[in-house]
PDB file of all heavy atoms in Angstrom:
ATOM      1  N   THR A   1     -14.712  -9.892 -25.843  1.00  0.00           N
ATOM      2  CA  THR A   1     -14.506 -11.120 -26.614  1.00  0.00           C
ATOM      3  C   THR A   1     -13.046 -11.526 -26.675  1.00  0.00           C
ATOM      4  O   THR A   1     -12.739 -12.697 -26.949  1.00  0.00           O
ATOM      5  CB  THR A   1     -15.067 -10.953 -28.052  1.00  0.00           C
ATOM      6  OG1 THR A   1     -14.346  -9.917 -28.700  1.00  0.00           O
ATOM      7  CG2 THR A   1     -16.537 -10.635 -28.024  1.00  0.00           C
ATOM      8  N   VAL A   2     -12.147 -10.581 -26.457  1.00  0.00           N
ATOM      9  CA  VAL A   2     -10.704 -10.892 -26.450  1.00  0.00           C
ATOM     10  C   VAL A   2     -10.115 -10.541 -25.076  1.00  0.00           C
ATOM     11  O   VAL A   2      -8.996 -10.043 -24.971  1.00  0.00           O
ATOM     12  CB  VAL A   2      -9.968 -10.164 -27.583  1.00  0.00           C
ATOM     13  CG1 VAL A   2     -10.313 -10.765 -28.942  1.00  0.00           C
ATOM     14  CG2 VAL A   2     -10.244  -8.653 -27.563  1.00  0.00           C
ATOM     15  N   GLU A   3     -10.873 -10.800 -24.044  1.00  0.00           N
ATOM     16  CA  GLU A   3     -10.461 -10.472 -22.691  1.00  0.00           C
ATOM     17  C   GLU A   3      -9.136 -11.132 -22.337  1.00  0.00           C
ATOM     18  O   GLU A   3      -8.287 -10.500 -21.687  1.00  0.00           O
ATOM     19  CB  GLU A   3     -11.553 -10.935 -21.714  1.00  0.00           C
ATOM     20  CG  GLU A   3     -11.288 -10.591 -20.275  1.00  0.00           C
ATOM     21  CD  GLU A   3     -12.436 -11.006 -19.365  1.00  0.00           C
ATOM     22  OE1 GLU A   3     -13.380 -11.652 -19.884  1.00  0.00           O
ATOM     23  OE2 GLU A   3     -12.389 -10.696 -18.179  1.00  0.00           O
ATOM     24  N   ASP A   4      -8.920 -12.374 -22.741  1.00  0.00           N
ATOM     25  CA  ASP A   4      -7.688 -13.085 -22.409  1.00  0.00           C
ATOM     26  C   ASP A   4      -6.466 -12.391 -23.034  1.00  0.00           C
ATOM     27  O   ASP A   4      -5.371 -12.439 -22.468  1.00  0.00           O
ATOM     28  CB  ASP A   4      -7.745 -14.538 -22.907  1.00  0.00           C
ATOM     29  CG  ASP A   4      -8.672 -15.392 -22.046  1.00  0.00           C
ATOM     30  OD1 ASP A   4      -9.021 -14.942 -20.937  1.00  0.00           O
ATOM     31  OD2 ASP A   4      -9.048 -16.492 -22.477  1.00  0.00           O
ATOM     32  N   TYR A   5      -6.668 -11.783 -24.204  1.00  0.00           N
ATOM     33  CA  TYR A   5      -5.582 -11.057 -24.876  1.00  0.00           C
ATOM     34  C   TYR A   5      -5.074  -9.919 -24.004  1.00  0.00           C
ATOM     35  O   TYR A   5      -3.858  -9.771 -23.759  1.00  0.00           O
ATOM     36  CB  TYR A   5      -6.050 -10.542 -26.225  1.00  0.00           C
ATOM     37  CG  TYR A   5      -5.113  -9.577 -26.915  1.00  0.00           C
ATOM     38  CD1 TYR A   5      -3.903 -10.003 -27.473  1.00  0.00           C
ATOM     39  CD2 TYR A   5      -5.432  -8.228 -27.015  1.00  0.00           C
ATOM     40  CE1 TYR A   5      -3.035  -9.120 -28.087  1.00  0.00           C
ATOM     41  CE2 TYR A   5      -4.604  -7.335 -27.648  1.00  0.00           C
ATOM     42  CZ  TYR A   5      -3.399  -7.781 -28.191  1.00  0.00           C
ATOM     43  OH  TYR A   5      -2.560  -6.891 -28.809  1.00  0.00           O
ATOM     44  N   TYR A   6      -6.000  -9.108 -23.483  1.00  0.00           N
ATOM     45  CA  TYR A   6      -5.616  -7.974 -22.641  1.00  0.00           C
ATOM     46  C   TYR A   6      -5.125  -8.424 -21.280  1.00  0.00           C
ATOM     47  O   TYR A   6      -4.218  -7.806 -20.692  1.00  0.00           O
ATOM     48  CB  TYR A   6      -6.797  -7.007 -22.511  1.00  0.00           C
ATOM     49  CG  TYR A   6      -7.136  -6.339 -23.811  1.00  0.00           C
ATOM     50  CD1 TYR A   6      -8.303  -6.631 -24.471  1.00  0.00           C
ATOM     51  CD2 TYR A   6      -6.260  -5.422 -24.395  1.00  0.00           C
ATOM     52  CE1 TYR A   6      -8.623  -6.026 -25.696  1.00  0.00           C
ATOM     53  CE2 TYR A   6      -6.556  -4.813 -25.609  1.00  0.00           C
ATOM     54  CZ  TYR A   6      -7.749  -5.125 -26.244  1.00  0.00           C
ATOM     55  OH  TYR A   6      -8.054  -4.538 -27.449  1.00  0.00           O
ATOM     56  N   ASN A   7      -5.676  -9.515 -20.770  1.00  0.00           N
ATOM     57  CA  ASN A   7      -5.184 -10.070 -19.498  1.00  0.00           C
ATOM     58  C   ASN A   7      -3.751 -10.554 -19.633  1.00  0.00           C
ATOM     59  O   ASN A   7      -2.942 -10.436 -18.694  1.00  0.00           O
ATOM     60  CB  ASN A   7      -6.096 -11.215 -19.038  1.00  0.00           C
ATOM     61  CG  ASN A   7      -7.448 -10.724 -18.569  1.00  0.00           C
ATOM     62  OD1 ASN A   7      -7.640  -9.531 -18.321  1.00  0.00           O
ATOM     63  ND2 ASN A   7      -8.377 -11.623 -18.447  1.00  0.00           N
ATOM     64  N   THR A   8      -3.403 -11.096 -20.814  1.00  0.00           N
ATOM     65  CA  THR A   8      -2.025 -11.554 -21.060  1.00  0.00           C
ATOM     66  C   THR A   8      -1.067 -10.373 -21.096  1.00  0.00           C
ATOM     67  O   THR A   8       0.032 -10.432 -20.522  1.00  0.00           O
ATOM     68  CB  THR A   8      -1.958 -12.345 -22.373  1.00  0.00           C
ATOM     69  OG1 THR A   8      -2.808 -13.497 -22.303  1.00  0.00           O
ATOM     70  CG2 THR A   8      -0.533 -12.786 -22.663  1.00  0.00           C
ATOM     71  N   ILE A   9      -1.491  -9.282 -21.740  1.00  0.00           N
ATOM     72  CA  ILE A   9      -0.663  -8.060 -21.768  1.00  0.00           C
ATOM     73  C   ILE A   9      -0.461  -7.567 -20.352  1.00  0.00           C
ATOM     74  O   ILE A   9       0.657  -7.229 -19.948  1.00  0.00           O
ATOM     75  CB  ILE A   9      -1.318  -7.004 -22.645  1.00  0.00           C
ATOM     76  CG1 ILE A   9      -1.326  -7.438 -24.112  1.00  0.00           C
ATOM     77  CG2 ILE A   9      -0.582  -5.660 -22.509  1.00  0.00           C
ATOM     78  CD1 ILE A   9      -2.077  -6.508 -25.036  1.00  0.00           C
ATOM     79  N   ARG A  10      -1.541  -7.531 -19.594  1.00  0.00           N
ATOM     80  CA  ARG A  10      -1.459  -7.087 -18.189  1.00  0.00           C
ATOM     81  C   ARG A  10      -0.471  -7.946 -17.403  1.00  0.00           C
ATOM     82  O   ARG A  10       0.363  -7.416 -16.667  1.00  0.00           O
ATOM     83  CB  ARG A  10      -2.863  -7.165 -17.569  1.00  0.00           C
ATOM     84  CG  ARG A  10      -2.919  -6.762 -16.084  1.00  0.00           C
ATOM     85  CD  ARG A  10      -4.229  -7.153 -15.477  1.00  0.00           C
ATOM     86  NE  ARG A  10      -4.323  -8.609 -15.332  1.00  0.00           N
ATOM     87  CZ  ARG A  10      -5.483  -9.260 -15.155  1.00  0.00           C
ATOM     88  NH1 ARG A  10      -6.620  -8.593 -15.102  1.00  0.00           N
ATOM     89  NH2 ARG A  10      -5.486 -10.587 -15.028  1.00  0.00           N
ATOM     90  N   THR A  11      -0.574  -9.248 -17.552  1.00  0.00           N
ATOM     91  CA  THR A  11       0.308 -10.160 -16.830  1.00  0.00           C
ATOM     92  C   THR A  11       1.781  -9.946 -17.210  1.00  0.00           C
ATOM     93  O   THR A  11       2.662  -9.921 -16.351  1.00  0.00           O
ATOM     94  CB  THR A  11      -0.088 -11.625 -17.096  1.00  0.00           C
ATOM     95  OG1 THR A  11      -1.447 -11.823 -16.680  1.00  0.00           O
ATOM     96  CG2 THR A  11       0.831 -12.582 -16.328  1.00  0.00           C
ATOM     97  N   ASN A  12       2.009  -9.773 -18.521  1.00  0.00           N
ATOM     98  CA  ASN A  12       3.386  -9.553 -18.987  1.00  0.00           C
ATOM     99  C   ASN A  12       3.974  -8.252 -18.413  1.00  0.00           C
ATOM    100  O   ASN A  12       5.168  -8.200 -18.104  1.00  0.00           O
ATOM    101  CB  ASN A  12       3.420  -9.518 -20.507  1.00  0.00           C
ATOM    102  CG  ASN A  12       3.240 -10.903 -21.121  1.00  0.00           C
ATOM    103  OD1 ASN A  12       3.527 -11.912 -20.472  1.00  0.00           O
ATOM    104  ND2 ASN A  12       2.741 -10.944 -22.351  1.00  0.00           N
ATOM    105  N   ILE A  13       3.130  -7.241 -18.280  1.00  0.00           N
ATOM    106  CA  ILE A  13       3.580  -5.967 -17.699  1.00  0.00           C
ATOM    107  C   ILE A  13       3.915  -6.153 -16.218  1.00  0.00           C
ATOM    108  O   ILE A  13       4.953  -5.701 -15.736  1.00  0.00           O
ATOM    109  CB  ILE A  13       2.510  -4.873 -17.886  1.00  0.00           C
ATOM    110  CG1 ILE A  13       2.388  -4.497 -19.361  1.00  0.00           C
ATOM    111  CG2 ILE A  13       2.861  -3.629 -17.059  1.00  0.00           C
ATOM    112  CD1 ILE A  13       1.274  -3.533 -19.665  1.00  0.00           C
ATOM    113  N   ILE A  14       3.051  -6.865 -15.518  1.00  0.00           N
ATOM    114  CA  ILE A  14       3.274  -7.114 -14.097  1.00  0.00           C
ATOM    115  C   ILE A  14       4.565  -7.917 -13.866  1.00  0.00           C
ATOM    116  O   ILE A  14       5.337  -7.644 -12.951  1.00  0.00           O
ATOM    117  CB  ILE A  14       2.067  -7.838 -13.471  1.00  0.00           C
ATOM    118  CG1 ILE A  14       0.840  -6.916 -13.465  1.00  0.00           C
ATOM    119  CG2 ILE A  14       2.390  -8.321 -12.056  1.00  0.00           C
ATOM    120  CD1 ILE A  14      -0.427  -7.589 -13.029  1.00  0.00           C
ATOM    121  N   LEU A  15       4.785  -8.918 -14.740  1.00  0.00           N
ATOM    122  CA  LEU A  15       5.971  -9.761 -14.621  1.00  0.00           C
ATOM    123  C   LEU A  15       7.289  -8.996 -14.865  1.00  0.00           C
ATOM    124  O   LEU A  15       8.362  -9.515 -14.540  1.00  0.00           O
ATOM    125  CB  LEU A  15       5.872 -10.955 -15.568  1.00  0.00           C
ATOM    126  CG  LEU A  15       4.825 -12.006 -15.191  1.00  0.00           C
ATOM    127  CD1 LEU A  15       4.734 -13.077 -16.261  1.00  0.00           C
ATOM    128  CD2 LEU A  15       5.136 -12.633 -13.836  1.00  0.00           C
ATOM    129  N   LYS A  16       7.182  -7.813 -15.439  1.00  0.00           N
ATOM    130  CA  LYS A  16       8.368  -6.979 -15.596  1.00  0.00           C
ATOM    131  C   LYS A  16       8.958  -6.580 -14.251  1.00  0.00           C
ATOM    132  O   LYS A  16      10.130  -6.220 -14.141  1.00  0.00           O
ATOM    133  CB  LYS A  16       8.036  -5.711 -16.393  1.00  0.00           C
ATOM    134  CG  LYS A  16       7.671  -5.939 -17.856  1.00  0.00           C
ATOM    135  CD  LYS A  16       8.893  -5.874 -18.713  1.00  0.00           C
ATOM    136  CE  LYS A  16       8.547  -5.934 -20.178  1.00  0.00           C
ATOM    137  NZ  LYS A  16       9.753  -5.925 -21.026  1.00  0.00           N
ATOM    138  N   ASN A  17       8.079  -6.665 -13.218  1.00  0.00           N
ATOM    139  CA  ASN A  17       8.486  -6.350 -11.852  1.00  0.00           C
ATOM    140  C   ASN A  17       9.049  -4.932 -11.751  1.00  0.00           C
ATOM    141  O   ASN A  17      10.019  -4.684 -11.044  1.00  0.00           O
ATOM    142  CB  ASN A  17       9.506  -7.350 -11.337  1.00  0.00           C
ATOM    143  CG  ASN A  17       9.581  -7.381  -9.816  1.00  0.00           C
ATOM    144  OD1 ASN A  17       8.613  -7.035  -9.140  1.00  0.00           O
ATOM    145  ND2 ASN A  17      10.725  -7.751  -9.284  1.00  0.00           N
ATOM    146  N   LYS A  18       8.426  -4.019 -12.493  1.00  0.00           N
ATOM    147  CA  LYS A  18       8.847  -2.629 -12.467  1.00  0.00           C
ATOM    148  C   LYS A  18       7.951  -1.823 -11.526  1.00  0.00           C
ATOM    149  O   LYS A  18       6.765  -2.164 -11.312  1.00  0.00           O
ATOM    150  CB  LYS A  18       8.771  -2.012 -13.879  1.00  0.00           C
ATOM    151  CG  LYS A  18       9.631  -2.710 -14.913  1.00  0.00           C
ATOM    152  CD  LYS A  18      11.096  -2.374 -14.759  1.00  0.00           C
ATOM    153  CE  LYS A  18      11.908  -2.953 -15.914  1.00  0.00           C
ATOM    154  NZ  LYS A  18      13.326  -2.602 -15.815  1.00  0.00           N
ATOM    155  N   ASN A  19       8.470  -0.764 -10.979  1.00  0.00           N
ATOM    156  CA  ASN A  19       7.701   0.109 -10.103  1.00  0.00           C
ATOM    157  C   ASN A  19       7.051   1.201 -10.935  1.00  0.00           C
ATOM    158  O   ASN A  19       7.567   2.305 -11.065  1.00  0.00           O
ATOM    159  CB  ASN A  19       8.608   0.721  -9.025  1.00  0.00           C
ATOM    160  CG  ASN A  19       7.811   1.532  -8.025  1.00  0.00           C
ATOM    161  OD1 ASN A  19       6.616   1.334  -7.842  1.00  0.00           O
ATOM    162  ND2 ASN A  19       8.468   2.472  -7.369  1.00  0.00           N
ATOM    163  N   PHE A  20       5.919   0.873 -11.547  1.00  0.00           N
ATOM    164  CA  PHE A  20       5.268   1.826 -12.453  1.00  0.00           C
ATOM    165  C   PHE A  20       3.923   2.272 -11.884  1.00  0.00           C
ATOM    166  O   PHE A  20       3.242   1.514 -11.187  1.00  0.00           O
ATOM    167  CB  PHE A  20       5.064   1.213 -13.854  1.00  0.00           C
ATOM    168  CG  PHE A  20       4.261  -0.080 -13.857  1.00  0.00           C
ATOM    169  CD1 PHE A  20       2.885  -0.069 -13.881  1.00  0.00           C
ATOM    170  CD2 PHE A  20       4.914  -1.313 -13.808  1.00  0.00           C
ATOM    171  CE1 PHE A  20       2.150  -1.227 -13.872  1.00  0.00           C
ATOM    172  CE2 PHE A  20       4.192  -2.502 -13.812  1.00  0.00           C
ATOM    173  CZ  PHE A  20       2.818  -2.453 -13.842  1.00  0.00           C
ATOM    174  N   LYS A  21       3.568   3.508 -12.195  1.00  0.00           N
ATOM    175  CA  LYS A  21       2.275   4.051 -11.764  1.00  0.00           C
ATOM    176  C   LYS A  21       1.605   4.834 -12.865  1.00  0.00           C
ATOM    177  O   LYS A  21       0.393   4.742 -13.057  1.00  0.00           O
ATOM    178  CB  LYS A  21       2.464   4.921 -10.523  1.00  0.00           C
ATOM    179  CG  LYS A  21       1.150   5.411  -9.940  1.00  0.00           C
ATOM    180  CD  LYS A  21       1.341   6.020  -8.572  1.00  0.00           C
ATOM    181  CE  LYS A  21       0.005   6.363  -7.937  1.00  0.00           C
ATOM    182  NZ  LYS A  21       0.141   6.850  -6.547  1.00  0.00           N
ATOM    183  N   THR A  22       2.400   5.610 -13.590  1.00  0.00           N
ATOM    184  CA  THR A  22       1.854   6.379 -14.721  1.00  0.00           C
ATOM    185  C   THR A  22       2.438   5.841 -16.013  1.00  0.00           C
ATOM    186  O   THR A  22       3.653   5.863 -16.212  1.00  0.00           O
ATOM    187  CB  THR A  22       2.176   7.889 -14.580  1.00  0.00           C
ATOM    188  OG1 THR A  22       3.589   8.020 -14.305  1.00  0.00           O
ATOM    189  CG2 THR A  22       1.376   8.507 -13.441  1.00  0.00           C
ATOM    190  N   ILE A  23       1.580   5.339 -16.891  1.00  0.00           N
ATOM    191  CA  ILE A  23       1.997   4.745 -18.141  1.00  0.00           C
ATOM    192  C   ILE A  23       1.492   5.573 -19.304  1.00  0.00           C
ATOM    193  O   ILE A  23       0.287   5.822 -19.412  1.00  0.00           O
ATOM    194  CB  ILE A  23       1.468   3.301 -18.274  1.00  0.00           C
ATOM    195  CG1 ILE A  23       1.936   2.419 -17.117  1.00  0.00           C
ATOM    196  CG2 ILE A  23       1.894   2.688 -19.614  1.00  0.00           C
ATOM    197  CD1 ILE A  23       1.362   1.016 -17.155  1.00  0.00           C
ATOM    198  N   VAL A  24       2.375   6.016 -20.162  1.00  0.00           N
ATOM    199  CA  VAL A  24       1.968   6.745 -21.354  1.00  0.00           C
ATOM    200  C   VAL A  24       1.792   5.723 -22.492  1.00  0.00           C
ATOM    201  O   VAL A  24       2.650   4.867 -22.695  1.00  0.00           O
ATOM    202  CB  VAL A  24       2.969   7.843 -21.735  1.00  0.00           C
ATOM    203  CG1 VAL A  24       4.320   7.273 -22.122  1.00  0.00           C
ATOM    204  CG2 VAL A  24       2.430   8.715 -22.865  1.00  0.00           C
ATOM    205  N   ALA A  25       0.683   5.810 -23.176  1.00  0.00           N
ATOM    206  CA  ALA A  25       0.380   4.913 -24.291  1.00  0.00           C
ATOM    207  C   ALA A  25       0.516   5.705 -25.587  1.00  0.00           C
ATOM    208  O   ALA A  25      -0.239   6.643 -25.811  1.00  0.00           O
ATOM    209  CB  ALA A  25      -1.018   4.329 -24.175  1.00  0.00           C
ATOM    210  N   THR A  26       1.482   5.316 -26.413  1.00  0.00           N
ATOM    211  CA  THR A  26       1.715   6.064 -27.659  1.00  0.00           C
ATOM    212  C   THR A  26       1.985   5.076 -28.789  1.00  0.00           C
ATOM    213  O   THR A  26       1.961   3.863 -28.596  1.00  0.00           O
ATOM    214  CB  THR A  26       2.902   7.045 -27.485  1.00  0.00           C
ATOM    215  OG1 THR A  26       3.013   7.840 -28.656  1.00  0.00           O
ATOM    216  CG2 THR A  26       4.209   6.297 -27.254  1.00  0.00           C
ATOM    217  N   SER A  27       2.183   5.612 -29.966  1.00  0.00           N
ATOM    218  CA  SER A  27       2.422   4.780 -31.150  1.00  0.00           C
ATOM    219  C   SER A  27       3.502   5.443 -31.994  1.00  0.00           C
ATOM    220  O   SER A  27       3.845   6.603 -31.792  1.00  0.00           O
ATOM    221  CB  SER A  27       1.137   4.597 -31.952  1.00  0.00           C
ATOM    222  OG  SER A  27       0.568   5.855 -32.278  1.00  0.00           O
TER     223      SER A  27
END
């Protein structure tokens, strides 16, 4: 139901233009 929200996060990460492969998710 909030697919666009996560797609926006994905796009913002891609636009960082970083060479990433392993991402740690923490808080």
